[in-house]
Amino acid sequence: MATGSETLDRIVERLKGTADPKRRYEYVLWLAKKLEPLPGEFRNDAFKVKGCVSQVYVVGQLVDGRLHWQGDSDAAITKGLLALLIQGLEGLEPATAAAIDPAFLGEMGLQASLTPSRANGFLNILRAMQAQALALATGASEQAAAAGSSADPVSA
């Protein structure tokens, strides 16, 4: 199943090809360790993922039409799941990120290693990232429209 993200597809294939659930879990924990620290100014309700048992923050930025992500969580496994999504959605166009079908979650084989609340939190993180992607795209198009309409009609 192609997600629309080559990186996410590679991660899904890697996890799907791992027979041992413990190895999948270890991979997610390894991703957590690699995640860059989130600056303190982003640890607020505007960037907090709703519906997660853990404290999860994710921040998207749109640079030259491409998404760039930062995030953090106070729980190691949740931080790893967040890191997986950050890697998978990094550099995508907002419409591509927003269109990713969450069905890939089942394909990775992580369900066996996650509690129902963690699996639900993973979905909530993805949905929060998709909502931010759409909001960033909408904001960028509104800014472009405003810039275009602010041209001086006399000198145009």
N, C-alpha and C. Protein backbone atom coordinates (compact mmCIF):
# COMPACT_ATOMS: atom_id res chain seq x y z
N MET A 1 0.85 -1.19 0.00
CA MET A 1 0.00 0.00 0.00
C MET A 1 0.89 1.24 0.00
N ALA A 2 0.71 2.10 -0.96
CA ALA A 2 1.47 3.35 -1.03
C ALA A 2 0.72 4.43 -0.25
N THR A 3 1.45 5.12 0.62
CA THR A 3 0.83 6.15 1.45
C THR A 3 0.84 7.52 0.79
N GLY A 4 1.74 7.73 -0.16
CA GLY A 4 1.94 9.06 -0.74
C GLY A 4 3.25 9.66 -0.26
N SER A 5 3.88 8.99 0.71
CA SER A 5 5.17 9.42 1.24
C SER A 5 6.15 8.26 1.07
N GLU A 6 7.20 8.48 0.30
CA GLU A 6 8.20 7.42 0.10
C GLU A 6 8.84 7.01 1.41
N THR A 7 9.12 7.99 2.25
CA THR A 7 9.75 7.70 3.55
C THR A 7 8.82 6.88 4.42
N LEU A 8 7.56 7.27 4.49
CA LEU A 8 6.60 6.52 5.29
C LEU A 8 6.42 5.12 4.72
N ASP A 9 6.40 4.99 3.40
CA ASP A 9 6.30 3.66 2.78
C ASP A 9 7.47 2.77 3.20
N ARG A 10 8.68 3.34 3.24
CA ARG A 10 9.87 2.57 3.65
C ARG A 10 9.76 2.13 5.11
N ILE A 11 9.28 3.02 5.96
CA ILE A 11 9.11 2.68 7.37
C ILE A 11 8.08 1.57 7.54
N VAL A 12 6.96 1.68 6.82
CA VAL A 12 5.91 0.66 6.88
C VAL A 12 6.47 -0.68 6.43
N GLU A 13 7.21 -0.69 5.32
CA GLU A 13 7.79 -1.94 4.82
C GLU A 13 8.79 -2.54 5.81
N ARG A 14 9.58 -1.68 6.41
CA ARG A 14 10.57 -2.15 7.39
C ARG A 14 9.87 -2.83 8.56
N LEU A 15 8.84 -2.18 9.09
CA LEU A 15 8.14 -2.74 10.24
C LEU A 15 7.33 -3.97 9.85
N LYS A 16 6.73 -3.93 8.67
CA LYS A 16 5.93 -5.06 8.19
C LYS A 16 6.81 -6.30 7.99
N GLY A 17 8.05 -6.08 7.58
CA GLY A 17 8.96 -7.18 7.32
C GLY A 17 9.65 -7.73 8.56
N THR A 18 9.36 -7.14 9.71
CA THR A 18 9.94 -7.60 10.97
C THR A 18 8.96 -8.53 11.66
N ALA A 19 9.33 -9.79 11.78
CA ALA A 19 8.41 -10.79 12.35
C ALA A 19 8.25 -10.64 13.86
N ASP A 20 9.29 -10.20 14.53
CA ASP A 20 9.28 -10.13 15.99
C ASP A 20 8.68 -8.80 16.47
N PRO A 21 7.54 -8.84 17.18
CA PRO A 21 6.92 -7.61 17.68
C PRO A 21 7.86 -6.81 18.59
N LYS A 22 8.73 -7.51 19.33
CA LYS A 22 9.67 -6.82 20.21
C LYS A 22 10.64 -5.95 19.41
N ARG A 23 11.07 -6.45 18.24
CA ARG A 23 11.98 -5.67 17.38
C ARG A 23 11.30 -4.41 16.85
N ARG A 24 10.02 -4.52 16.51
CA ARG A 24 9.26 -3.35 16.06
C ARG A 24 9.23 -2.30 17.16
N TYR A 25 8.93 -2.75 18.35
CA TYR A 25 8.85 -1.87 19.52
C TYR A 25 10.20 -1.19 19.76
N GLU A 26 11.29 -1.96 19.66
CA GLU A 26 12.64 -1.41 19.84
C GLU A 26 12.95 -0.36 18.77
N TYR A 27 12.50 -0.59 17.54
CA TYR A 27 12.72 0.37 16.46
C TYR A 27 12.03 1.70 16.78
N VAL A 28 10.81 1.62 17.29
CA VAL A 28 10.06 2.83 17.64
C VAL A 28 10.78 3.57 18.77
N LEU A 29 11.29 2.84 19.75
CA LEU A 29 12.03 3.47 20.85
C LEU A 29 13.33 4.10 20.33
N TRP A 30 13.96 3.47 19.36
CA TRP A 30 15.17 4.03 18.75
C TRP A 30 14.85 5.35 18.04
N LEU A 31 13.72 5.38 17.34
CA LEU A 31 13.29 6.63 16.68
C LEU A 31 13.10 7.74 17.71
N ALA A 32 12.55 7.39 18.87
CA ALA A 32 12.33 8.38 19.93
C ALA A 32 13.64 9.02 20.35
N LYS A 33 14.68 8.22 20.47
CA LYS A 33 15.99 8.74 20.90
C LYS A 33 16.60 9.69 19.86
N LYS A 34 16.24 9.49 18.59
CA LYS A 34 16.80 10.31 17.52
C LYS A 34 16.07 11.65 17.34
N LEU A 35 14.89 11.79 17.95
CA LEU A 35 14.09 13.00 17.75
C LEU A 35 14.76 14.20 18.41
N GLU A 36 14.89 15.27 17.64
CA GLU A 36 15.50 16.50 18.16
C GLU A 36 14.62 17.09 19.26
N PRO A 37 15.22 17.72 20.26
CA PRO A 37 14.43 18.34 21.34
C PRO A 37 13.53 19.46 20.78
N LEU A 38 12.36 19.58 21.36
CA LEU A 38 11.41 20.61 20.95
C LEU A 38 11.66 21.87 21.79
N PRO A 39 11.86 23.02 21.15
CA PRO A 39 12.05 24.26 21.91
C PRO A 39 10.85 24.53 22.83
N GLY A 40 11.14 25.06 24.01
CA GLY A 40 10.12 25.29 25.02
C GLY A 40 8.94 26.14 24.59
N GLU A 41 9.17 27.09 23.67
CA GLU A 41 8.08 27.98 23.26
C GLU A 41 6.95 27.24 22.54
N PHE A 42 7.23 26.02 22.08
CA PHE A 42 6.19 25.25 21.38
C PHE A 42 5.43 24.30 22.31
N ARG A 43 5.81 24.28 23.56
CA ARG A 43 5.13 23.40 24.53
C ARG A 43 3.95 24.16 25.14
N ASN A 44 2.93 24.35 24.32
CA ASN A 44 1.72 25.02 24.80
C ASN A 44 0.50 24.39 24.13
N ASP A 45 -0.67 24.80 24.58
CA ASP A 45 -1.92 24.18 24.12
C ASP A 45 -2.13 24.28 22.61
N ALA A 46 -1.57 25.29 21.98
CA ALA A 46 -1.76 25.45 20.53
C ALA A 46 -1.16 24.27 19.77
N PHE A 47 -0.13 23.64 20.32
CA PHE A 47 0.56 22.55 19.63
C PHE A 47 0.39 21.21 20.33
N LYS A 48 -0.42 21.17 21.37
CA LYS A 48 -0.65 19.93 22.11
C LYS A 48 -1.66 19.06 21.37
N VAL A 49 -1.34 17.78 21.24
CA VAL A 49 -2.23 16.84 20.56
C VAL A 49 -3.33 16.43 21.53
N LYS A 50 -4.55 16.64 21.13
CA LYS A 50 -5.70 16.28 21.96
C LYS A 50 -5.96 14.78 21.85
N GLY A 51 -6.45 14.20 22.93
CA GLY A 51 -6.85 12.79 22.91
C GLY A 51 -5.71 11.82 23.15
N CYS A 52 -4.59 12.30 23.66
CA CYS A 52 -3.47 11.42 23.99
C CYS A 52 -3.33 11.35 25.51
N VAL A 53 -3.07 10.17 26.01
CA VAL A 53 -2.84 10.01 27.44
C VAL A 53 -1.55 10.74 27.83
N SER A 54 -0.54 10.64 27.00
CA SER A 54 0.74 11.31 27.21
C SER A 54 0.64 12.77 26.78
N GLN A 55 1.61 13.56 27.22
CA GLN A 55 1.74 14.93 26.75
C GLN A 55 2.46 14.87 25.41
N VAL A 56 1.79 15.30 24.34
CA VAL A 56 2.38 15.25 23.00
C VAL A 56 2.23 16.62 22.35
N TYR A 57 3.32 17.11 21.80
CA TYR A 57 3.32 18.38 21.09
C TYR A 57 3.90 18.16 19.70
N VAL A 58 3.24 18.75 18.70
CA VAL A 58 3.75 18.66 17.34
C VAL A 58 3.54 20.01 16.66
N VAL A 59 4.59 20.45 15.97
CA VAL A 59 4.59 21.76 15.33
C VAL A 59 4.99 21.60 13.88
N GLY A 60 4.13 22.06 12.99
CA GLY A 60 4.44 22.05 11.57
C GLY A 60 4.76 23.44 11.07
N GLN A 61 5.67 23.51 10.12
CA GLN A 61 5.99 24.76 9.45
C GLN A 61 5.97 24.50 7.95
N LEU A 62 5.56 25.50 7.21
CA LEU A 62 5.54 25.41 5.76
C LEU A 62 6.64 26.30 5.21
N VAL A 63 7.62 25.69 4.54
CA VAL A 63 8.75 26.41 3.96
C VAL A 63 8.83 26.02 2.49
N ASP A 64 8.67 27.01 1.64
CA ASP A 64 8.71 26.78 0.19
C ASP A 64 7.75 25.68 -0.24
N GLY A 65 6.56 25.68 0.36
CA GLY A 65 5.53 24.73 -0.02
C GLY A 65 5.68 23.33 0.54
N ARG A 66 6.67 23.12 1.39
CA ARG A 66 6.95 21.81 1.98
C ARG A 66 6.83 21.88 3.50
N LEU A 67 6.34 20.79 4.08
CA LEU A 67 6.13 20.72 5.52
C LEU A 67 7.41 20.29 6.25
N HIS A 68 7.65 20.91 7.39
CA HIS A 68 8.76 20.56 8.27
C HIS A 68 8.19 20.47 9.68
N TRP A 69 8.58 19.44 10.40
CA TRP A 69 7.95 19.11 11.68
C TRP A 69 8.94 19.05 12.82
N GLN A 70 8.42 19.38 14.01
CA GLN A 70 9.12 19.20 15.27
C GLN A 70 8.09 18.67 16.26
N GLY A 71 8.57 17.97 17.28
CA GLY A 71 7.63 17.50 18.28
C GLY A 71 8.32 16.84 19.44
N ASP A 72 7.51 16.49 20.45
CA ASP A 72 8.04 15.82 21.63
C ASP A 72 6.89 15.20 22.40
N SER A 73 7.24 14.24 23.24
CA SER A 73 6.28 13.61 24.14
C SER A 73 7.01 13.23 25.41
N ASP A 74 6.24 13.13 26.49
CA ASP A 74 6.83 12.75 27.78
C ASP A 74 6.90 11.23 27.95
N ALA A 75 6.37 10.46 27.01
CA ALA A 75 6.42 9.00 27.07
C ALA A 75 7.27 8.49 25.90
N ALA A 76 8.20 7.60 26.20
CA ALA A 76 9.16 7.15 25.19
C ALA A 76 8.49 6.51 23.97
N ILE A 77 7.54 5.62 24.18
CA ILE A 77 6.92 4.95 23.03
C ILE A 77 6.11 5.94 22.20
N THR A 78 5.42 6.85 22.86
CA THR A 78 4.65 7.87 22.14
C THR A 78 5.59 8.80 21.39
N LYS A 79 6.72 9.12 21.99
CA LYS A 79 7.72 9.96 21.32
C LYS A 79 8.24 9.25 20.07
N GLY A 80 8.42 7.93 20.15
CA GLY A 80 8.86 7.17 18.99
C GLY A 80 7.81 7.13 17.89
N LEU A 81 6.55 7.00 18.27
CA LEU A 81 5.48 7.02 17.28
C LEU A 81 5.39 8.39 16.62
N LEU A 82 5.56 9.43 17.41
CA LEU A 82 5.59 10.80 16.88
C LEU A 82 6.77 10.96 15.92
N ALA A 83 7.93 10.45 16.31
CA ALA A 83 9.12 10.54 15.46
C ALA A 83 8.90 9.82 14.14
N LEU A 84 8.21 8.68 14.18
CA LEU A 84 7.90 7.93 12.98
C LEU A 84 7.05 8.79 12.04
N LEU A 85 6.04 9.45 12.59
CA LEU A 85 5.18 10.30 11.76
C LEU A 85 5.92 11.54 11.28
N ILE A 86 6.75 12.11 12.12
CA ILE A 86 7.53 13.28 11.70
C ILE A 86 8.42 12.91 10.51
N GLN A 87 9.11 11.78 10.61
CA GLN A 87 9.94 11.33 9.48
C GLN A 87 9.08 11.09 8.25
N GLY A 88 7.96 10.44 8.44
CA GLY A 88 7.10 10.05 7.32
C GLY A 88 6.45 11.21 6.61
N LEU A 89 6.17 12.30 7.34
CA LEU A 89 5.49 13.44 6.74
C LEU A 89 6.42 14.61 6.43
N GLU A 90 7.69 14.46 6.77
CA GLU A 90 8.68 15.52 6.54
C GLU A 90 8.85 15.77 5.04
N GLY A 91 8.79 17.05 4.66
CA GLY A 91 9.05 17.46 3.28
C GLY A 91 7.89 17.27 2.32
N LEU A 92 6.76 16.79 2.82
CA LEU A 92 5.60 16.62 1.94
C LEU A 92 4.90 17.94 1.68
N GLU A 93 4.16 17.99 0.60
CA GLU A 93 3.26 19.11 0.38
C GLU A 93 2.05 18.90 1.30
N PRO A 94 1.43 19.98 1.76
CA PRO A 94 0.31 19.84 2.69
C PRO A 94 -0.82 18.93 2.19
N ALA A 95 -1.18 19.03 0.93
CA ALA A 95 -2.28 18.20 0.42
C ALA A 95 -1.92 16.72 0.46
N THR A 96 -0.66 16.39 0.21
CA THR A 96 -0.22 15.00 0.26
C THR A 96 -0.29 14.48 1.69
N ALA A 97 0.21 15.28 2.65
CA ALA A 97 0.16 14.88 4.06
C ALA A 97 -1.27 14.70 4.53
N ALA A 98 -2.14 15.61 4.13
CA ALA A 98 -3.53 15.57 4.56
C ALA A 98 -4.27 14.37 3.97
N ALA A 99 -3.81 13.87 2.83
CA ALA A 99 -4.50 12.78 2.15
C ALA A 99 -4.03 11.39 2.59
N ILE A 100 -3.04 11.31 3.46
CA ILE A 100 -2.53 10.00 3.87
C ILE A 100 -3.62 9.25 4.62
N ASP A 101 -3.88 8.04 4.13
CA ASP A 101 -4.89 7.17 4.73
C ASP A 101 -4.27 6.49 5.95
N PRO A 102 -4.93 6.60 7.10
CA PRO A 102 -4.38 5.99 8.31
C PRO A 102 -4.36 4.46 8.30
N ALA A 103 -4.82 3.83 7.22
CA ALA A 103 -4.81 2.37 7.13
C ALA A 103 -3.39 1.80 7.25
N PHE A 104 -2.37 2.61 6.95
CA PHE A 104 -1.00 2.12 7.05
C PHE A 104 -0.66 1.72 8.49
N LEU A 105 -1.39 2.27 9.46
CA LEU A 105 -1.13 1.95 10.87
C LEU A 105 -1.27 0.45 11.11
N GLY A 106 -2.28 -0.15 10.54
CA GLY A 106 -2.48 -1.59 10.70
C GLY A 106 -1.45 -2.41 9.96
N GLU A 107 -0.96 -1.90 8.85
CA GLU A 107 0.02 -2.63 8.04
C GLU A 107 1.37 -2.77 8.72
N MET A 108 1.69 -1.83 9.61
CA MET A 108 3.01 -1.84 10.24
C MET A 108 3.16 -2.97 11.25
N GLY A 109 2.05 -3.51 11.71
CA GLY A 109 2.12 -4.59 12.68
C GLY A 109 2.42 -4.13 14.10
N LEU A 110 2.26 -2.86 14.34
CA LEU A 110 2.53 -2.34 15.69
C LEU A 110 1.36 -2.56 16.66
N GLN A 111 0.17 -2.82 16.12
CA GLN A 111 -1.01 -2.95 16.98
C GLN A 111 -0.78 -3.95 18.10
N ALA A 112 -0.08 -5.05 17.79
CA ALA A 112 0.16 -6.10 18.79
C ALA A 112 1.00 -5.59 19.95
N SER A 113 1.81 -4.56 19.70
CA SER A 113 2.71 -4.04 20.73
C SER A 113 2.15 -2.82 21.45
N LEU A 114 1.05 -2.27 20.95
CA LEU A 114 0.51 -1.04 21.52
C LEU A 114 -0.78 -1.30 22.28
N THR A 115 -0.94 -0.59 23.38
CA THR A 115 -2.23 -0.63 24.07
C THR A 115 -3.24 0.11 23.19
N PRO A 116 -4.52 -0.15 23.38
CA PRO A 116 -5.52 0.58 22.59
C PRO A 116 -5.40 2.10 22.73
N SER A 117 -5.06 2.58 23.93
CA SER A 117 -4.94 4.03 24.10
C SER A 117 -3.75 4.59 23.33
N ARG A 118 -2.64 3.83 23.24
CA ARG A 118 -1.47 4.28 22.45
C ARG A 118 -1.81 4.26 20.96
N ALA A 119 -2.49 3.22 20.51
CA ALA A 119 -2.87 3.15 19.10
C ALA A 119 -3.80 4.31 18.75
N ASN A 120 -4.72 4.62 19.64
CA ASN A 120 -5.62 5.75 19.43
C ASN A 120 -4.84 7.07 19.44
N GLY A 121 -3.86 7.17 20.34
CA GLY A 121 -3.02 8.36 20.39
C GLY A 121 -2.23 8.55 19.11
N PHE A 122 -1.73 7.45 18.54
CA PHE A 122 -1.00 7.49 17.27
C PHE A 122 -1.88 8.08 16.18
N LEU A 123 -3.11 7.63 16.12
CA LEU A 123 -4.06 8.15 15.14
C LEU A 123 -4.34 9.64 15.41
N ASN A 124 -4.45 10.02 16.68
CA ASN A 124 -4.68 11.42 17.02
C ASN A 124 -3.51 12.31 16.62
N ILE A 125 -2.29 11.78 16.76
CA ILE A 125 -1.10 12.55 16.33
C ILE A 125 -1.15 12.76 14.82
N LEU A 126 -1.44 11.68 14.07
CA LEU A 126 -1.54 11.81 12.61
C LEU A 126 -2.60 12.83 12.23
N ARG A 127 -3.75 12.74 12.84
CA ARG A 127 -4.84 13.68 12.52
C ARG A 127 -4.47 15.12 12.88
N ALA A 128 -3.76 15.31 13.98
CA ALA A 128 -3.32 16.67 14.35
C ALA A 128 -2.34 17.21 13.31
N MET A 129 -1.44 16.35 12.85
CA MET A 129 -0.47 16.78 11.84
C MET A 129 -1.18 17.10 10.53
N GLN A 130 -2.16 16.30 10.16
CA GLN A 130 -2.91 16.56 8.93
C GLN A 130 -3.69 17.86 9.04
N ALA A 131 -4.28 18.12 10.20
CA ALA A 131 -5.03 19.37 10.40
C ALA A 131 -4.08 20.57 10.31
N GLN A 132 -2.90 20.45 10.92
CA GLN A 132 -1.92 21.54 10.82
C GLN A 132 -1.49 21.75 9.37
N ALA A 133 -1.28 20.67 8.64
CA ALA A 133 -0.87 20.77 7.24
C ALA A 133 -1.89 21.56 6.44
N LEU A 134 -3.17 21.24 6.63
CA LEU A 134 -4.22 21.96 5.92
C LEU A 134 -4.30 23.42 6.35
N ALA A 135 -4.16 23.66 7.64
CA ALA A 135 -4.21 25.03 8.14
C ALA A 135 -3.03 25.85 7.60
N LEU A 136 -1.86 25.24 7.55
CA LEU A 136 -0.69 25.94 7.00
C LEU A 136 -0.88 26.24 5.52
N ALA A 137 -1.43 25.29 4.78
CA ALA A 137 -1.67 25.49 3.35
C ALA A 137 -2.70 26.59 3.13
N THR A 138 -3.75 26.59 3.93
CA THR A 138 -4.79 27.61 3.81
C THR A 138 -4.23 28.98 4.15
N GLY A 139 -3.43 29.03 5.21
CA GLY A 139 -2.80 30.30 5.60
C GLY A 139 -1.87 30.82 4.54
N ALA A 140 -1.11 29.93 3.91
CA ALA A 140 -0.18 30.35 2.85
C ALA A 140 -0.93 30.87 1.64
N SER A 141 -2.02 30.21 1.27
CA SER A 141 -2.76 30.67 0.09
C SER A 141 -3.49 31.98 0.38
N GLU A 142 -3.94 32.14 1.64
CA GLU A 142 -4.59 33.40 2.00
C GLU A 142 -3.58 34.55 1.99
N GLN A 143 -2.35 34.27 2.47
CA GLN A 143 -1.31 35.30 2.48
C GLN A 143 -0.94 35.69 1.05
N ALA A 144 -0.84 34.69 0.18
CA ALA A 144 -0.50 34.98 -1.22
C ALA A 144 -1.60 35.81 -1.88
N ALA A 145 -2.85 35.46 -1.58
CA ALA A 145 -3.97 36.21 -2.16
C ALA A 145 -3.97 37.64 -1.63
N ALA A 146 -3.68 37.80 -0.34
CA ALA A 146 -3.64 39.14 0.24
C ALA A 146 -2.50 39.96 -0.35
N ALA A 147 -1.37 39.31 -0.57
CA ALA A 147 -0.23 40.00 -1.16
C ALA A 147 -0.55 40.43 -2.59
N GLY A 148 -1.22 39.57 -3.31
CA GLY A 148 -1.60 39.88 -4.69
C GLY A 148 -2.62 40.99 -4.78
N SER A 149 -3.54 41.04 -3.83
CA SER A 149 -4.59 42.06 -3.87
C SER A 149 -4.15 43.38 -3.27
N SER A 150 -2.98 43.36 -2.61
CA SER A 150 -2.55 44.63 -2.01
C SER A 150 -1.73 45.47 -2.97
N ALA A 151 -1.57 44.99 -4.18
CA ALA A 151 -0.82 45.78 -5.17
C ALA A 151 -1.59 47.07 -5.47
N ASP A 152 -0.86 48.12 -5.64
CA ASP A 152 -1.43 49.42 -5.90
C ASP A 152 -2.07 49.42 -7.30
N PRO A 153 -3.41 49.54 -7.39
CA PRO A 153 -4.09 49.45 -8.68
C PRO A 153 -3.71 50.60 -9.63
N VAL A 154 -3.27 51.72 -9.08
CA VAL A 154 -2.92 52.86 -9.93
C VAL A 154 -1.62 52.58 -10.68
N SER A 155 -0.65 52.00 -9.98
CA SER A 155 0.64 51.79 -10.62
C SER A 155 0.69 50.46 -11.38
N ALA A 156 -0.32 49.66 -11.26
CA ALA A 156 -0.30 48.35 -11.93
C ALA A 156 -0.57 48.48 -13.41
